[in-house]
PDB file of all heavy atoms in Angstrom:
ATOM      1  N   THR A   1      39.949 186.982 164.205  1.00  0.00           N
ATOM      2  CA  THR A   1      40.210 186.158 163.022  1.00  0.00           C
ATOM      3  C   THR A   1      41.665 186.337 162.610  1.00  0.00           C
ATOM      4  O   THR A   1      42.108 187.397 162.300  1.00  0.00           O
ATOM      5  CB  THR A   1      39.308 186.577 161.857  1.00  0.00           C
ATOM      6  OG1 THR A   1      37.961 186.416 162.250  1.00  0.00           O
ATOM      7  CG2 THR A   1      39.594 185.730 160.641  1.00  0.00           C
ATOM      8  N   GLY A   2      42.413 185.241 162.698  1.00  0.00           N
ATOM      9  CA  GLY A   2      43.826 185.303 162.363  1.00  0.00           C
ATOM     10  C   GLY A   2      44.072 184.770 160.944  1.00  0.00           C
ATOM     11  O   GLY A   2      43.107 184.502 160.202  1.00  0.00           O
ATOM     12  N   PRO A   3      45.329 184.664 160.530  1.00  0.00           N
ATOM     13  CA  PRO A   3      45.688 184.132 159.223  1.00  0.00           C
ATOM     14  C   PRO A   3      45.060 182.704 159.061  1.00  0.00           C
ATOM     15  O   PRO A   3      44.953 181.958 160.034  1.00  0.00           O
ATOM     16  CB  PRO A   3      47.180 184.088 159.212  1.00  0.00           C
ATOM     17  CG  PRO A   3      47.569 185.094 160.243  1.00  0.00           C
ATOM     18  CD  PRO A   3      46.505 185.060 161.270  1.00  0.00           C
ATOM     19  N   ARG A   4      44.651 182.406 157.866  1.00  0.00           N
ATOM     20  CA  ARG A   4      44.058 181.098 157.623  1.00  0.00           C
ATOM     21  C   ARG A   4      45.192 180.049 157.423  1.00  0.00           C
ATOM     22  O   ARG A   4      45.920 180.112 156.426  1.00  0.00           O
ATOM     23  CB  ARG A   4      43.209 181.160 156.299  1.00  0.00           C
ATOM     24  CG  ARG A   4      42.199 182.271 156.284  1.00  0.00           C
ATOM     25  CD  ARG A   4      41.070 182.064 157.317  1.00  0.00           C
ATOM     26  NE  ARG A   4      40.065 183.055 157.179  1.00  0.00           N
ATOM     27  CZ  ARG A   4      38.952 183.133 157.906  1.00  0.00           C
ATOM     28  NH1 ARG A   4      38.726 182.194 158.824  1.00  0.00           N
ATOM     29  NH2 ARG A   4      38.082 184.090 157.739  1.00  0.00           N
ATOM     30  N   LYS A   5      45.310 179.167 158.412  1.00  0.00           N
ATOM     31  CA  LYS A   5      46.434 178.250 158.416  1.00  0.00           C
ATOM     32  C   LYS A   5      46.055 176.808 158.236  1.00  0.00           C
ATOM     33  O   LYS A   5      46.915 175.893 158.203  1.00  0.00           O
ATOM     34  CB  LYS A   5      47.178 178.390 159.777  1.00  0.00           C
ATOM     35  CG  LYS A   5      47.771 179.733 160.065  1.00  0.00           C
ATOM     36  CD  LYS A   5      48.845 180.092 159.028  1.00  0.00           C
ATOM     37  CE  LYS A   5      49.477 181.406 159.396  1.00  0.00           C
ATOM     38  NZ  LYS A   5      50.520 181.829 158.374  1.00  0.00           N
ATOM     39  N   LEU A   6      44.776 176.519 157.977  1.00  0.00           N
ATOM     40  CA  LEU A   6      44.385 175.116 157.900  1.00  0.00           C
ATOM     41  C   LEU A   6      45.002 174.426 156.675  1.00  0.00           C
ATOM     42  O   LEU A   6      45.171 173.230 156.661  1.00  0.00           O
ATOM     43  CB  LEU A   6      42.874 175.000 157.893  1.00  0.00           C
ATOM     44  CG  LEU A   6      42.154 175.353 159.176  1.00  0.00           C
ATOM     45  CD1 LEU A   6      40.671 175.154 159.038  1.00  0.00           C
ATOM     46  CD2 LEU A   6      42.693 174.576 160.366  1.00  0.00           C
ATOM     47  N   GLY A   7      45.261 175.198 155.654  1.00  0.00           N
ATOM     48  CA  GLY A   7      45.880 174.594 154.462  1.00  0.00           C
ATOM     49  C   GLY A   7      47.237 174.011 154.746  1.00  0.00           C
ATOM     50  O   GLY A   7      47.642 172.994 154.117  1.00  0.00           O
ATOM     51  N   THR A   8      47.926 174.535 155.775  1.00  0.00           N
ATOM     52  CA  THR A   8      49.208 173.933 156.198  1.00  0.00           C
ATOM     53  C   THR A   8      49.000 172.484 156.653  1.00  0.00           C
ATOM     54  O   THR A   8      49.929 171.644 156.407  1.00  0.00           O
ATOM     55  CB  THR A   8      49.809 174.743 157.337  1.00  0.00           C
ATOM     56  OG1 THR A   8      49.981 176.083 156.928  1.00  0.00           O
ATOM     57  CG2 THR A   8      51.155 174.186 157.811  1.00  0.00           C
ATOM     58  N   LEU A   9      47.889 172.186 157.290  1.00  0.00           N
ATOM     59  CA  LEU A   9      47.649 170.851 157.798  1.00  0.00           C
ATOM     60  C   LEU A   9      47.525 169.874 156.641  1.00  0.00           C
ATOM     61  O   LEU A   9      47.912 168.666 156.781  1.00  0.00           O
ATOM     62  CB  LEU A   9      46.401 170.826 158.653  1.00  0.00           C
ATOM     63  CG  LEU A   9      46.294 171.818 159.796  1.00  0.00           C
ATOM     64  CD1 LEU A   9      45.001 171.585 160.582  1.00  0.00           C
ATOM     65  CD2 LEU A   9      47.533 171.695 160.703  1.00  0.00           C
ATOM     66  N   ILE A  10      47.001 170.304 155.521  1.00  0.00           N
ATOM     67  CA  ILE A  10      46.920 169.409 154.333  1.00  0.00           C
ATOM     68  C   ILE A  10      48.310 169.110 153.805  1.00  0.00           C
ATOM     69  O   ILE A  10      48.697 167.968 153.598  1.00  0.00           O
ATOM     70  CB  ILE A  10      46.035 170.072 153.284  1.00  0.00           C
ATOM     71  CG1 ILE A  10      44.652 170.336 153.817  1.00  0.00           C
ATOM     72  CG2 ILE A  10      45.980 169.124 152.031  1.00  0.00           C
ATOM     73  CD1 ILE A  10      43.795 171.171 152.907  1.00  0.00           C
ATOM     74  N   GLU A  11      49.038 170.216 153.572  1.00  0.00           N
ATOM     75  CA  GLU A  11      50.370 170.069 153.011  1.00  0.00           C
ATOM     76  C   GLU A  11      51.278 169.204 153.871  1.00  0.00           C
ATOM     77  O   GLU A  11      52.036 168.353 153.357  1.00  0.00           O
ATOM     78  CB  GLU A  11      50.976 171.460 152.835  1.00  0.00           C
ATOM     79  CG  GLU A  11      52.413 171.468 152.321  1.00  0.00           C
ATOM     80  CD  GLU A  11      53.058 172.865 152.395  1.00  0.00           C
ATOM     81  OE1 GLU A  11      52.317 173.835 152.712  1.00  0.00           O
ATOM     82  OE2 GLU A  11      54.250 172.936 152.204  1.00  0.00           O
ATOM     83  N   LYS A  12      51.196 169.426 155.194  1.00  0.00           N
ATOM     84  CA  LYS A  12      52.118 168.724 156.112  1.00  0.00           C
ATOM     85  C   LYS A  12      51.518 167.450 156.698  1.00  0.00           C
ATOM     86  O   LYS A  12      52.184 166.764 157.475  1.00  0.00           O
ATOM     87  CB  LYS A  12      52.531 169.678 157.216  1.00  0.00           C
ATOM     88  CG  LYS A  12      53.258 170.911 156.771  1.00  0.00           C
ATOM     89  CD  LYS A  12      54.558 170.593 156.034  1.00  0.00           C
ATOM     90  CE  LYS A  12      55.313 171.858 155.602  1.00  0.00           C
ATOM     91  NZ  LYS A  12      56.574 171.517 154.851  1.00  0.00           N
ATOM     92  N   ARG A  13      50.305 167.147 156.327  1.00  0.00           N
ATOM     93  CA  ARG A  13      49.636 165.956 156.865  1.00  0.00           C
ATOM     94  C   ARG A  13      49.712 165.971 158.403  1.00  0.00           C
ATOM     95  O   ARG A  13      49.953 164.998 159.063  1.00  0.00           O
ATOM     96  CB  ARG A  13      50.207 164.666 156.344  1.00  0.00           C
ATOM     97  CG  ARG A  13      49.692 164.260 154.981  1.00  0.00           C
ATOM     98  CD  ARG A  13      50.346 165.007 153.862  1.00  0.00           C
ATOM     99  NE  ARG A  13      51.430 164.222 153.233  1.00  0.00           N
ATOM    100  CZ  ARG A  13      52.329 164.757 152.444  1.00  0.00           C
ATOM    101  NH1 ARG A  13      52.317 166.055 152.152  1.00  0.00           N
ATOM    102  NH2 ARG A  13      53.260 164.007 151.908  1.00  0.00           N
ATOM    103  N   ALA A  14      49.490 167.158 158.957  1.00  0.00           N
ATOM    104  CA  ALA A  14      49.590 167.392 160.383  1.00  0.00           C
ATOM    105  C   ALA A  14      48.271 167.075 161.084  1.00  0.00           C
ATOM    106  O   ALA A  14      47.174 167.202 160.480  1.00  0.00           O
ATOM    107  CB  ALA A  14      50.022 168.786 160.712  1.00  0.00           C
ATOM    108  N   SER A  15      48.315 166.789 162.361  1.00  0.00           N
ATOM    109  CA  SER A  15      47.120 166.554 163.142  1.00  0.00           C
ATOM    110  C   SER A  15      47.081 167.512 164.276  1.00  0.00           C
ATOM    111  O   SER A  15      48.094 167.887 164.862  1.00  0.00           O
ATOM    112  CB  SER A  15      47.073 165.121 163.667  1.00  0.00           C
ATOM    113  OG  SER A  15      48.179 164.835 164.497  1.00  0.00           O
ATOM    114  N   VAL A  16      45.855 167.972 164.640  1.00  0.00           N
ATOM    115  CA  VAL A  16      45.611 168.903 165.714  1.00  0.00           C
ATOM    116  C   VAL A  16      44.584 168.288 166.623  1.00  0.00           C
ATOM    117  O   VAL A  16      43.507 167.861 166.141  1.00  0.00           O
ATOM    118  CB  VAL A  16      45.143 170.278 165.198  1.00  0.00           C
ATOM    119  CG1 VAL A  16      44.885 171.246 166.346  1.00  0.00           C
ATOM    120  CG2 VAL A  16      46.115 170.832 164.188  1.00  0.00           C
ATOM    121  N   GLU A  17      44.858 168.270 167.907  1.00  0.00           N
ATOM    122  CA  GLU A  17      43.915 167.661 168.862  1.00  0.00           C
ATOM    123  C   GLU A  17      43.852 168.473 170.137  1.00  0.00           C
ATOM    124  O   GLU A  17      44.909 168.747 170.761  1.00  0.00           O
ATOM    125  CB  GLU A  17      44.306 166.227 169.184  1.00  0.00           C
ATOM    126  CG  GLU A  17      43.319 165.518 170.097  1.00  0.00           C
ATOM    127  CD  GLU A  17      43.619 164.032 170.272  1.00  0.00           C
ATOM    128  OE1 GLU A  17      44.572 163.530 169.608  1.00  0.00           O
ATOM    129  OE2 GLU A  17      42.927 163.366 171.078  1.00  0.00           O
ATOM    130  N   GLY A  18      42.683 168.896 170.514  1.00  0.00           N
ATOM    131  CA  GLY A  18      42.501 169.470 171.804  1.00  0.00           C
ATOM    132  C   GLY A  18      42.232 168.440 172.848  1.00  0.00           C
ATOM    133  O   GLY A  18      41.773 167.338 172.548  1.00  0.00           O
ATOM    134  N   PHE A  19      42.478 168.754 174.138  1.00  0.00           N
ATOM    135  CA  PHE A  19      42.276 167.783 175.176  1.00  0.00           C
ATOM    136  C   PHE A  19      42.007 168.468 176.525  1.00  0.00           C
ATOM    137  O   PHE A  19      42.380 169.630 176.723  1.00  0.00           O
ATOM    138  CB  PHE A  19      43.490 166.828 175.310  1.00  0.00           C
ATOM    139  CG  PHE A  19      44.728 167.493 175.894  1.00  0.00           C
ATOM    140  CD1 PHE A  19      45.030 167.327 177.253  1.00  0.00           C
ATOM    141  CD2 PHE A  19      45.563 168.287 175.156  1.00  0.00           C
ATOM    142  CE1 PHE A  19      46.138 167.934 177.783  1.00  0.00           C
ATOM    143  CE2 PHE A  19      46.711 168.890 175.672  1.00  0.00           C
ATOM    144  CZ  PHE A  19      46.960 168.701 177.031  1.00  0.00           C
ATOM    145  N   LEU A  20      41.370 167.710 177.416  1.00  0.00           N
ATOM    146  CA  LEU A  20      41.190 168.127 178.787  1.00  0.00           C
ATOM    147  C   LEU A  20      41.843 167.096 179.693  1.00  0.00           C
ATOM    148  O   LEU A  20      41.718 165.866 179.432  1.00  0.00           O
ATOM    149  CB  LEU A  20      39.690 168.245 179.120  1.00  0.00           C
ATOM    150  CG  LEU A  20      38.895 169.286 178.371  1.00  0.00           C
ATOM    151  CD1 LEU A  20      37.413 169.157 178.790  1.00  0.00           C
ATOM    152  CD2 LEU A  20      39.411 170.673 178.720  1.00  0.00           C
ATOM    153  N   VAL A  21      42.450 167.518 180.724  1.00  0.00           N
ATOM    154  CA  VAL A  21      43.117 166.559 181.641  1.00  0.00           C
ATOM    155  C   VAL A  21      42.094 165.641 182.248  1.00  0.00           C
ATOM    156  O   VAL A  21      42.391 164.464 182.571  1.00  0.00           O
ATOM    157  CB  VAL A  21      43.943 167.291 182.711  1.00  0.00           C
ATOM    158  CG1 VAL A  21      43.059 168.076 183.627  1.00  0.00           C
ATOM    159  CG2 VAL A  21      44.853 166.287 183.449  1.00  0.00           C
ATOM    160  N   SER A  22      40.841 166.090 182.419  1.00  0.00           N
ATOM    161  CA  SER A  22      39.802 165.279 183.044  1.00  0.00           C
ATOM    162  C   SER A  22      39.501 164.026 182.211  1.00  0.00           C
ATOM    163  O   SER A  22      38.961 163.066 182.706  1.00  0.00           O
ATOM    164  CB  SER A  22      38.554 166.103 183.262  1.00  0.00           C
ATOM    165  OG  SER A  22      38.101 166.673 182.039  1.00  0.00           O
ATOM    166  N   ASP A  23      39.849 164.070 180.883  1.00  0.00           N
ATOM    167  CA  ASP A  23      39.646 162.892 180.043  1.00  0.00           C
ATOM    168  C   ASP A  23      40.421 161.716 180.573  1.00  0.00           C
ATOM    169  O   ASP A  23      40.060 160.562 180.288  1.00  0.00           O
ATOM    170  CB  ASP A  23      40.088 163.190 178.629  1.00  0.00           C
ATOM    171  CG  ASP A  23      39.273 164.305 177.974  1.00  0.00           C
ATOM    172  OD1 ASP A  23      38.209 164.592 178.414  1.00  0.00           O
ATOM    173  OD2 ASP A  23      39.772 164.896 176.975  1.00  0.00           O
ATOM    174  N   PHE A  24      41.502 161.979 181.366  1.00  0.00           N
ATOM    175  CA  PHE A  24      42.390 160.882 181.790  1.00  0.00           C
ATOM    176  C   PHE A  24      42.230 160.644 183.260  1.00  0.00           C
ATOM    177  O   PHE A  24      43.121 160.012 183.896  1.00  0.00           O
ATOM    178  CB  PHE A  24      43.839 161.317 181.464  1.00  0.00           C
ATOM    179  CG  PHE A  24      44.103 161.530 180.013  1.00  0.00           C
ATOM    180  CD1 PHE A  24      44.023 162.787 179.451  1.00  0.00           C
ATOM    181  CD2 PHE A  24      44.453 160.478 179.171  1.00  0.00           C
ATOM    182  CE1 PHE A  24      44.254 163.011 178.076  1.00  0.00           C
ATOM    183  CE2 PHE A  24      44.676 160.655 177.838  1.00  0.00           C
ATOM    184  CZ  PHE A  24      44.616 161.958 177.302  1.00  0.00           C
ATOM    185  N   GLN A  25      41.125 161.039 183.820  1.00  0.00           N
ATOM    186  CA  GLN A  25      40.951 160.877 185.304  1.00  0.00           C
ATOM    187  C   GLN A  25      41.211 159.478 185.802  1.00  0.00           C
ATOM    188  O   GLN A  25      41.791 159.317 186.888  1.00  0.00           O
ATOM    189  CB  GLN A  25      39.533 161.326 185.676  1.00  0.00           C
ATOM    190  CG  GLN A  25      39.285 161.595 187.149  1.00  0.00           C
ATOM    191  CD  GLN A  25      39.025 160.331 187.937  1.00  0.00           C
ATOM    192  OE1 GLN A  25      38.461 159.361 187.348  1.00  0.00           O
ATOM    193  NE2 GLN A  25      39.341 160.281 189.178  1.00  0.00           N
ATOM    194  N   PRO A  26      40.800 158.390 185.093  1.00  0.00           N
ATOM    195  CA  PRO A  26      41.138 157.077 185.649  1.00  0.00           C
ATOM    196  C   PRO A  26      42.611 156.773 185.779  1.00  0.00           C
ATOM    197  O   PRO A  26      42.968 155.829 186.476  1.00  0.00           O
ATOM    198  CB  PRO A  26      40.440 156.132 184.600  1.00  0.00           C
ATOM    199  CG  PRO A  26      39.412 156.946 183.961  1.00  0.00           C
ATOM    200  CD  PRO A  26      39.983 158.338 183.888  1.00  0.00           C
TER     201      PRO A  26
END
């Protein structure tokens, strides 16, 4: 459990997205 950083996303209107290369197989 690290520092709670999700509040930064609100303040900065930031977006976080995970991805897998297999999503782009075509």
